[in-house]
Amino acid sequence: LSSPAVSPDGKTVVFTVQEWSIEKNKSTSNLWLV
């Protein structure tokens, strides 16, 4: 997890989730909300 940012109204957080592939030797990352 990285880079959390809280919404202007303080009700929601967006953050990045990075996942690694050992097989491909590389990563992907997507945005999540909570």
PDB file of all heavy atoms in Angstrom:
ATOM      1  N   LEU A   1       0.834  -1.195   0.000  1.00  0.00           N
ATOM      2  CA  LEU A   1       0.000   0.000   0.000  1.00  0.00           C
ATOM      3  C   LEU A   1       0.873   1.250   0.000  1.00  0.00           C
ATOM      4  O   LEU A   1       1.931   1.280   0.637  1.00  0.00           O
ATOM      5  CB  LEU A   1      -0.920   0.031   1.218  1.00  0.00           C
ATOM      6  CG  LEU A   1      -2.188  -0.829   1.192  1.00  0.00           C
ATOM      7  CD1 LEU A   1      -1.874  -2.312   1.106  1.00  0.00           C
ATOM      8  CD2 LEU A   1      -3.056  -0.533   2.423  1.00  0.00           C
ATOM      9  N   SER A   2       0.418   2.297  -0.685  1.00  0.00           N
ATOM     10  CA  SER A   2       1.153   3.554  -0.719  1.00  0.00           C
ATOM     11  C   SER A   2       0.218   4.697  -1.092  1.00  0.00           C
ATOM     12  O   SER A   2      -0.933   4.488  -1.489  1.00  0.00           O
ATOM     13  CB  SER A   2       2.323   3.486  -1.718  1.00  0.00           C
ATOM     14  OG  SER A   2       1.844   3.326  -3.039  1.00  0.00           O
ATOM     15  N   SER A   3       0.731   5.921  -0.965  1.00  0.00           N
ATOM     16  CA  SER A   3       0.146   7.160  -1.485  1.00  0.00           C
ATOM     17  C   SER A   3      -1.320   7.390  -1.118  1.00  0.00           C
ATOM     18  O   SER A   3      -2.148   7.666  -1.976  1.00  0.00           O
ATOM     19  CB  SER A   3       0.280   7.183  -3.021  1.00  0.00           C
ATOM     20  OG  SER A   3       1.598   6.959  -3.424  1.00  0.00           O
ATOM     21  N   PRO A   4      -1.690   7.323   0.171  1.00  0.00           N
ATOM     22  CA  PRO A   4      -3.083   7.622   0.527  1.00  0.00           C
ATOM     23  C   PRO A   4      -3.399   9.104   0.370  1.00  0.00           C
ATOM     24  O   PRO A   4      -2.558   9.966   0.658  1.00  0.00           O
ATOM     25  CB  PRO A   4      -3.164   7.193   1.990  1.00  0.00           C
ATOM     26  CG  PRO A   4      -1.768   7.343   2.513  1.00  0.00           C
ATOM     27  CD  PRO A   4      -0.867   6.999   1.354  1.00  0.00           C
ATOM     28  N   ALA A   5      -4.590   9.397  -0.093  1.00  0.00           N
ATOM     29  CA  ALA A   5      -5.055  10.780  -0.220  1.00  0.00           C
ATOM     30  C   ALA A   5      -6.515  10.819   0.205  1.00  0.00           C
ATOM     31  O   ALA A   5      -7.352  10.080  -0.332  1.00  0.00           O
ATOM     32  CB  ALA A   5      -4.898  11.280  -1.655  1.00  0.00           C
ATOM     33  N   VAL A   6      -6.831  11.690   1.176  1.00  0.00           N
ATOM     34  CA  VAL A   6      -8.184  11.768   1.708  1.00  0.00           C
ATOM     35  C   VAL A   6      -8.982  12.789   0.902  1.00  0.00           C
ATOM     36  O   VAL A   6      -8.460  13.815   0.459  1.00  0.00           O
ATOM     37  CB  VAL A   6      -8.156  12.119   3.217  1.00  0.00           C
ATOM     38  CG1 VAL A   6      -7.538  13.475   3.455  1.00  0.00           C
ATOM     39  CG2 VAL A   6      -9.537  12.044   3.830  1.00  0.00           C
ATOM     40  N   SER A   7     -10.257  12.489   0.662  1.00  0.00           N
ATOM     41  CA  SER A   7     -11.122  13.350  -0.144  1.00  0.00           C
ATOM     42  C   SER A   7     -11.364  14.681   0.550  1.00  0.00           C
ATOM     43  O   SER A   7     -11.214  14.797   1.778  1.00  0.00           O
ATOM     44  CB  SER A   7     -12.447  12.647  -0.417  1.00  0.00           C
ATOM     45  OG  SER A   7     -13.122  12.366   0.805  1.00  0.00           O
ATOM     46  N   PRO A   8     -11.741  15.726  -0.201  1.00  0.00           N
ATOM     47  CA  PRO A   8     -11.957  17.045   0.415  1.00  0.00           C
ATOM     48  C   PRO A   8     -12.977  17.051   1.546  1.00  0.00           C
ATOM     49  O   PRO A   8     -12.851  17.854   2.474  1.00  0.00           O
ATOM     50  CB  PRO A   8     -12.435  17.900  -0.768  1.00  0.00           C
ATOM     51  CG  PRO A   8     -11.815  17.258  -1.963  1.00  0.00           C
ATOM     52  CD  PRO A   8     -11.838  15.785  -1.673  1.00  0.00           C
ATOM     53  N   ASP A   9     -13.977  16.155   1.503  1.00  0.00           N
ATOM     54  CA  ASP A   9     -14.958  16.102   2.586  1.00  0.00           C
ATOM     55  C   ASP A   9     -14.538  15.178   3.720  1.00  0.00           C
ATOM     56  O   ASP A   9     -15.260  15.039   4.713  1.00  0.00           O
ATOM     57  CB  ASP A   9     -16.339  15.701   2.060  1.00  0.00           C
ATOM     58  CG  ASP A   9     -16.355  14.297   1.444  1.00  0.00           C
ATOM     59  OD1 ASP A   9     -15.339  13.564   1.542  1.00  0.00           O
ATOM     60  OD2 ASP A   9     -17.383  13.932   0.847  1.00  0.00           O
ATOM     61  N   GLY A  10     -13.360  14.541   3.595  1.00  0.00           N
ATOM     62  CA  GLY A  10     -12.837  13.685   4.652  1.00  0.00           C
ATOM     63  C   GLY A  10     -13.506  12.328   4.769  1.00  0.00           C
ATOM     64  O   GLY A  10     -13.210  11.578   5.702  1.00  0.00           O
ATOM     65  N   LYS A  11     -14.351  11.966   3.826  1.00  0.00           N
ATOM     66  CA  LYS A  11     -15.135  10.738   3.955  1.00  0.00           C
ATOM     67  C   LYS A  11     -14.527   9.526   3.259  1.00  0.00           C
ATOM     68  O   LYS A  11     -14.897   8.385   3.558  1.00  0.00           O
ATOM     69  CB  LYS A  11     -16.557  10.977   3.427  1.00  0.00           C
ATOM     70  CG  LYS A  11     -17.360  11.988   4.238  1.00  0.00           C
ATOM     71  CD  LYS A  11     -18.763  12.160   3.672  1.00  0.00           C
ATOM     72  CE  LYS A  11     -19.571  13.150   4.516  1.00  0.00           C
ATOM     73  NZ  LYS A  11     -20.942  13.341   3.973  1.00  0.00           N
ATOM     74  N   THR A  12     -13.610   9.743   2.331  1.00  0.00           N
ATOM     75  CA  THR A  12     -13.077   8.643   1.514  1.00  0.00           C
ATOM     76  C   THR A  12     -11.575   8.812   1.330  1.00  0.00           C
ATOM     77  O   THR A  12     -11.074   9.929   1.246  1.00  0.00           O
ATOM     78  CB  THR A  12     -13.766   8.613   0.134  1.00  0.00           C
ATOM     79  OG1 THR A  12     -15.180   8.665   0.301  1.00  0.00           O
ATOM     80  CG2 THR A  12     -13.399   7.346  -0.631  1.00  0.00           C
ATOM     81  N   VAL A  13     -10.885   7.689   1.249  1.00  0.00           N
ATOM     82  CA  VAL A  13      -9.449   7.701   0.986  1.00  0.00           C
ATOM     83  C   VAL A  13      -9.178   6.910  -0.290  1.00  0.00           C
ATOM     84  O   VAL A  13      -9.703   5.796  -0.462  1.00  0.00           O
ATOM     85  CB  VAL A  13      -8.650   7.071   2.144  1.00  0.00           C
ATOM     86  CG1 VAL A  13      -7.153   7.228   1.892  1.00  0.00           C
ATOM     87  CG2 VAL A  13      -9.028   7.695   3.471  1.00  0.00           C
ATOM     88  N   VAL A  14      -8.381   7.470  -1.163  1.00  0.00           N
ATOM     89  CA  VAL A  14      -7.873   6.715  -2.302  1.00  0.00           C
ATOM     90  C   VAL A  14      -6.427   6.351  -1.987  1.00  0.00           C
ATOM     91  O   VAL A  14      -5.688   7.128  -1.381  1.00  0.00           O
ATOM     92  CB  VAL A  14      -7.965   7.522  -3.613  1.00  0.00           C
ATOM     93  CG1 VAL A  14      -7.121   8.787  -3.556  1.00  0.00           C
ATOM     94  CG2 VAL A  14      -7.558   6.664  -4.810  1.00  0.00           C
ATOM     95  N   PHE A  15      -6.020   5.155  -2.367  1.00  0.00           N
ATOM     96  CA  PHE A  15      -4.653   4.717  -2.135  1.00  0.00           C
ATOM     97  C   PHE A  15      -4.253   3.737  -3.228  1.00  0.00           C
ATOM     98  O   PHE A  15      -5.090   3.218  -3.974  1.00  0.00           O
ATOM     99  CB  PHE A  15      -4.496   4.094  -0.738  1.00  0.00           C
ATOM    100  CG  PHE A  15      -5.388   2.906  -0.464  1.00  0.00           C
ATOM    101  CD1 PHE A  15      -4.904   1.611  -0.561  1.00  0.00           C
ATOM    102  CD2 PHE A  15      -6.718   3.093  -0.092  1.00  0.00           C
ATOM    103  CE1 PHE A  15      -5.715   0.519  -0.306  1.00  0.00           C
ATOM    104  CE2 PHE A  15      -7.546   2.004   0.169  1.00  0.00           C
ATOM    105  CZ  PHE A  15      -7.050   0.722   0.061  1.00  0.00           C
ATOM    106  N   THR A  16      -2.948   3.505  -3.326  1.00  0.00           N
ATOM    107  CA  THR A  16      -2.407   2.617  -4.353  1.00  0.00           C
ATOM    108  C   THR A  16      -2.071   1.265  -3.748  1.00  0.00           C
ATOM    109  O   THR A  16      -1.510   1.197  -2.647  1.00  0.00           O
ATOM    110  CB  THR A  16      -1.138   3.238  -4.971  1.00  0.00           C
ATOM    111  OG1 THR A  16      -1.468   4.480  -5.579  1.00  0.00           O
ATOM    112  CG2 THR A  16      -0.533   2.319  -6.021  1.00  0.00           C
ATOM    113  N   VAL A  17      -2.404   0.205  -4.467  1.00  0.00           N
ATOM    114  CA  VAL A  17      -2.014  -1.147  -4.082  1.00  0.00           C
ATOM    115  C   VAL A  17      -1.148  -1.729  -5.207  1.00  0.00           C
ATOM    116  O   VAL A  17      -1.606  -1.860  -6.340  1.00  0.00           O
ATOM    117  CB  VAL A  17      -3.233  -2.051  -3.827  1.00  0.00           C
ATOM    118  CG1 VAL A  17      -2.768  -3.476  -3.520  1.00  0.00           C
ATOM    119  CG2 VAL A  17      -4.077  -1.502  -2.679  1.00  0.00           C
ATOM    120  N   GLN A  18       0.084  -2.045  -4.863  1.00  0.00           N
ATOM    121  CA  GLN A  18       1.009  -2.625  -5.828  1.00  0.00           C
ATOM    122  C   GLN A  18       1.101  -4.127  -5.613  1.00  0.00           C
ATOM    123  O   GLN A  18       1.198  -4.602  -4.480  1.00  0.00           O
ATOM    124  CB  GLN A  18       2.392  -1.997  -5.668  1.00  0.00           C
ATOM    125  CG  GLN A  18       3.426  -2.491  -6.671  1.00  0.00           C
ATOM    126  CD  GLN A  18       4.833  -2.013  -6.329  1.00  0.00           C
ATOM    127  OE1 GLN A  18       5.308  -2.206  -5.217  1.00  0.00           O
ATOM    128  NE2 GLN A  18       5.494  -1.371  -7.289  1.00  0.00           N
ATOM    129  N   GLU A  19       1.064  -4.895  -6.710  1.00  0.00           N
ATOM    130  CA  GLU A  19       1.195  -6.352  -6.661  1.00  0.00           C
ATOM    131  C   GLU A  19       2.318  -6.774  -7.603  1.00  0.00           C
ATOM    132  O   GLU A  19       2.422  -6.269  -8.725  1.00  0.00           O
ATOM    133  CB  GLU A  19      -0.114  -7.028  -7.054  1.00  0.00           C
ATOM    134  CG  GLU A  19      -1.279  -6.671  -6.144  1.00  0.00           C
ATOM    135  CD  GLU A  19      -2.571  -7.367  -6.535  1.00  0.00           C
ATOM    136  OE1 GLU A  19      -2.608  -8.616  -6.459  1.00  0.00           O
ATOM    137  OE2 GLU A  19      -3.522  -6.670  -6.922  1.00  0.00           O
ATOM    138  N   TRP A  20       3.132  -7.721  -7.128  1.00  0.00           N
ATOM    139  CA  TRP A  20       4.282  -8.182  -7.895  1.00  0.00           C
ATOM    140  C   TRP A  20       4.055  -9.588  -8.438  1.00  0.00           C
ATOM    141  O   TRP A  20       3.458 -10.432  -7.775  1.00  0.00           O
ATOM    142  CB  TRP A  20       5.542  -8.183  -7.030  1.00  0.00           C
ATOM    143  CG  TRP A  20       6.163  -6.831  -6.891  1.00  0.00           C
ATOM    144  CD1 TRP A  20       5.906  -5.899  -5.938  1.00  0.00           C
ATOM    145  CD2 TRP A  20       7.144  -6.259  -7.753  1.00  0.00           C
ATOM    146  NE1 TRP A  20       6.663  -4.773  -6.145  1.00  0.00           N
ATOM    147  CE2 TRP A  20       7.440  -4.969  -7.250  1.00  0.00           C
ATOM    148  CE3 TRP A  20       7.804  -6.709  -8.898  1.00  0.00           C
ATOM    149  CZ2 TRP A  20       8.371  -4.128  -7.861  1.00  0.00           C
ATOM    150  CZ3 TRP A  20       8.735  -5.872  -9.500  1.00  0.00           C
ATOM    151  CH2 TRP A  20       9.007  -4.602  -8.987  1.00  0.00           C
ATOM    152  N   SER A  21       4.557  -9.822  -9.641  1.00  0.00           N
ATOM    153  CA  SER A  21       4.580 -11.155 -10.232  1.00  0.00           C
ATOM    154  C   SER A  21       6.019 -11.661 -10.236  1.00  0.00           C
ATOM    155  O   SER A  21       6.893 -11.070 -10.892  1.00  0.00           O
ATOM    156  CB  SER A  21       4.035 -11.125 -11.666  1.00  0.00           C
ATOM    157  OG  SER A  21       4.336 -12.337 -12.333  1.00  0.00           O
ATOM    158  N   ILE A  22       6.262 -12.739  -9.493  1.00  0.00           N
ATOM    159  CA  ILE A  22       7.589 -13.352  -9.517  1.00  0.00           C
ATOM    160  C   ILE A  22       7.866 -13.926 -10.900  1.00  0.00           C
ATOM    161  O   ILE A  22       8.968 -13.796 -11.446  1.00  0.00           O
ATOM    162  CB  ILE A  22       7.692 -14.443  -8.440  1.00  0.00           C
ATOM    163  CG1 ILE A  22       7.561 -13.828  -7.043  1.00  0.00           C
ATOM    164  CG2 ILE A  22       9.009 -15.208  -8.559  1.00  0.00           C
ATOM    165  CD1 ILE A  22       7.476 -14.849  -5.926  1.00  0.00           C
ATOM    166  N   GLU A  23       6.860 -14.544 -11.479  1.00  0.00           N
ATOM    167  CA  GLU A  23       7.024 -15.176 -12.789  1.00  0.00           C
ATOM    168  C   GLU A  23       7.406 -14.154 -13.860  1.00  0.00           C
ATOM    169  O   GLU A  23       8.327 -14.372 -14.655  1.00  0.00           O
ATOM    170  CB  GLU A  23       5.727 -15.879 -13.185  1.00  0.00           C
ATOM    171  CG  GLU A  23       5.776 -16.546 -14.549  1.00  0.00           C
ATOM    172  CD  GLU A  23       4.418 -17.098 -14.968  1.00  0.00           C
ATOM    173  OE1 GLU A  23       3.448 -16.929 -14.215  1.00  0.00           O
ATOM    174  OE2 GLU A  23       4.352 -17.690 -16.060  1.00  0.00           O
ATOM    175  N   LYS A  24       6.706 -12.994 -13.868  1.00  0.00           N
ATOM    176  CA  LYS A  24       6.979 -11.976 -14.887  1.00  0.00           C
ATOM    177  C   LYS A  24       8.084 -11.013 -14.477  1.00  0.00           C
ATOM    178  O   LYS A  24       8.544 -10.212 -15.292  1.00  0.00           O
ATOM    179  CB  LYS A  24       5.700 -11.189 -15.179  1.00  0.00           C
ATOM    180  CG  LYS A  24       4.582 -12.037 -15.769  1.00  0.00           C
ATOM    181  CD  LYS A  24       3.325 -11.196 -15.994  1.00  0.00           C
ATOM    182  CE  LYS A  24       2.193 -12.038 -16.571  1.00  0.00           C
ATOM    183  NZ  LYS A  24       0.955 -11.234 -16.761  1.00  0.00           N
ATOM    184  N   ASN A  25       8.476 -11.047 -13.198  1.00  0.00           N
ATOM    185  CA  ASN A  25       9.536 -10.174 -12.694  1.00  0.00           C
ATOM    186  C   ASN A  25       9.152  -8.704 -12.820  1.00  0.00           C
ATOM    187  O   ASN A  25       9.995  -7.841 -13.077  1.00  0.00           O
ATOM    188  CB  ASN A  25      10.844 -10.431 -13.439  1.00  0.00           C
ATOM    189  CG  ASN A  25      12.048 -10.481 -12.499  1.00  0.00           C
ATOM    190  OD1 ASN A  25      11.919 -10.806 -11.326  1.00  0.00           O
ATOM    191  ND2 ASN A  25      13.213 -10.162 -13.026  1.00  0.00           N
ATOM    192  N   LYS A  26       7.869  -8.388 -12.614  1.00  0.00           N
ATOM    193  CA  LYS A  26       7.399  -7.014 -12.742  1.00  0.00           C
ATOM    194  C   LYS A  26       6.160  -6.813 -11.872  1.00  0.00           C
ATOM    195  O   LYS A  26       5.570  -7.776 -11.367  1.00  0.00           O
ATOM    196  CB  LYS A  26       7.084  -6.676 -14.199  1.00  0.00           C
ATOM    197  CG  LYS A  26       5.949  -7.499 -14.789  1.00  0.00           C
ATOM    198  CD  LYS A  26       5.740  -7.204 -16.268  1.00  0.00           C
ATOM    199  CE  LYS A  26       5.273  -5.807 -16.519  1.00  0.00           C
ATOM    200  NZ  LYS A  26       4.928  -5.545 -17.945  1.00  0.00           N
ATOM    201  N   SER A  27       5.759  -5.561 -11.742  1.00  0.00           N
ATOM    202  CA  SER A  27       4.628  -5.234 -10.878  1.00  0.00           C
ATOM    203  C   SER A  27       3.534  -4.522 -11.647  1.00  0.00           C
ATOM    204  O   SER A  27       3.748  -3.984 -12.742  1.00  0.00           O
ATOM    205  CB  SER A  27       5.082  -4.333  -9.725  1.00  0.00           C
ATOM    206  OG  SER A  27       5.446  -3.046 -10.211  1.00  0.00           O
ATOM    207  N   THR A  28       2.334  -4.519 -11.051  1.00  0.00           N
ATOM    208  CA  THR A  28       1.230  -3.680 -11.483  1.00  0.00           C
ATOM    209  C   THR A  28       0.701  -2.965 -10.242  1.00  0.00           C
ATOM    210  O   THR A  28       0.905  -3.418  -9.112  1.00  0.00           O
ATOM    211  CB  THR A  28       0.097  -4.488 -12.127  1.00  0.00           C
ATOM    212  OG1 THR A  28      -0.369  -5.476 -11.191  1.00  0.00           O
ATOM    213  CG2 THR A  28       0.569  -5.190 -13.387  1.00  0.00           C
ATOM    214  N   SER A  29       0.033  -1.845 -10.449  1.00  0.00           N
ATOM    215  CA  SER A  29      -0.557  -1.139  -9.318  1.00  0.00           C
ATOM    216  C   SER A  29      -1.881  -0.523  -9.743  1.00  0.00           C
ATOM    217  O   SER A  29      -2.038  -0.076 -10.882  1.00  0.00           O
ATOM    218  CB  SER A  29       0.391  -0.060  -8.785  1.00  0.00           C
ATOM    219  OG  SER A  29       0.782   0.824  -9.803  1.00  0.00           O
ATOM    220  N   ASN A  30      -2.826  -0.530  -8.806  1.00  0.00           N
ATOM    221  CA  ASN A  30      -4.159   0.009  -9.055  1.00  0.00           C
ATOM    222  C   ASN A  30      -4.608   0.881  -7.904  1.00  0.00           C
ATOM    223  O   ASN A  30      -4.044   0.832  -6.810  1.00  0.00           O
ATOM    224  CB  ASN A  30      -5.168  -1.126  -9.274  1.00  0.00           C
ATOM    225  CG  ASN A  30      -4.937  -1.896 -10.561  1.00  0.00           C
ATOM    226  OD1 ASN A  30      -4.475  -3.027 -10.538  1.00  0.00           O
ATOM    227  ND2 ASN A  30      -5.234  -1.272 -11.686  1.00  0.00           N
ATOM    228  N   LEU A  31      -5.638   1.658  -8.158  1.00  0.00           N
ATOM    229  CA  LEU A  31      -6.201   2.539  -7.148  1.00  0.00           C
ATOM    230  C   LEU A  31      -7.356   1.849  -6.431  1.00  0.00           C
ATOM    231  O   LEU A  31      -8.175   1.161  -7.056  1.00  0.00           O
ATOM    232  CB  LEU A  31      -6.694   3.842  -7.775  1.00  0.00           C
ATOM    233  CG  LEU A  31      -5.668   4.652  -8.570  1.00  0.00           C
ATOM    234  CD1 LEU A  31      -6.305   5.937  -9.084  1.00  0.00           C
ATOM    235  CD2 LEU A  31      -4.440   4.961  -7.733  1.00  0.00           C
ATOM    236  N   TRP A  32      -7.406   2.054  -5.117  1.00  0.00           N
ATOM    237  CA  TRP A  32      -8.470   1.519  -4.278  1.00  0.00           C
ATOM    238  C   TRP A  32      -9.079   2.665  -3.478  1.00  0.00           C
ATOM    239  O   TRP A  32      -8.448   3.698  -3.260  1.00  0.00           O
ATOM    240  CB  TRP A  32      -7.913   0.472  -3.310  1.00  0.00           C
ATOM    241  CG  TRP A  32      -7.531  -0.840  -3.946  1.00  0.00           C
ATOM    242  CD1 TRP A  32      -6.606  -1.034  -4.926  1.00  0.00           C
ATOM    243  CD2 TRP A  32      -8.066  -2.128  -3.634  1.00  0.00           C
ATOM    244  NE1 TRP A  32      -6.513  -2.363  -5.246  1.00  0.00           N
ATOM    245  CE2 TRP A  32      -7.399  -3.067  -4.464  1.00  0.00           C
ATOM    246  CE3 TRP A  32      -9.014  -2.591  -2.731  1.00  0.00           C
ATOM    247  CZ2 TRP A  32      -7.672  -4.424  -4.417  1.00  0.00           C
ATOM    248  CZ3 TRP A  32      -9.292  -3.947  -2.674  1.00  0.00           C
ATOM    249  CH2 TRP A  32      -8.634  -4.844  -3.514  1.00  0.00           C
ATOM    250  N   LEU A  33     -10.334   2.455  -3.023  1.00  0.00           N
ATOM    251  CA  LEU A  33     -11.036   3.408  -2.180  1.00  0.00           C
ATOM    252  C   LEU A  33     -11.490   2.733  -0.901  1.00  0.00           C
ATOM    253  O   LEU A  33     -11.819   1.538  -0.898  1.00  0.00           O
ATOM    254  CB  LEU A  33     -12.266   3.978  -2.898  1.00  0.00           C
ATOM    255  CG  LEU A  33     -12.051   4.807  -4.162  1.00  0.00           C
ATOM    256  CD1 LEU A  33     -13.397   5.112  -4.811  1.00  0.00           C
ATOM    257  CD2 LEU A  33     -11.324   6.103  -3.840  1.00  0.00           C
ATOM    258  N   VAL A  34     -11.533   3.491   0.187  1.00  0.00           N
ATOM    259  CA  VAL A  34     -12.117   3.009   1.429  1.00  0.00           C
ATOM    260  C   VAL A  34     -12.734   4.202   2.144  1.00  0.00           C
ATOM    261  O   VAL A  34     -12.198   5.316   2.094  1.00  0.00           O
ATOM    262  CB  VAL A  34     -11.079   2.291   2.324  1.00  0.00           C
ATOM    263  CG1 VAL A  34     -10.022   3.250   2.832  1.00  0.00           C
ATOM    264  CG2 VAL A  34     -11.755   1.566   3.470  1.00  0.00           C
TER     265      VAL A  34
END
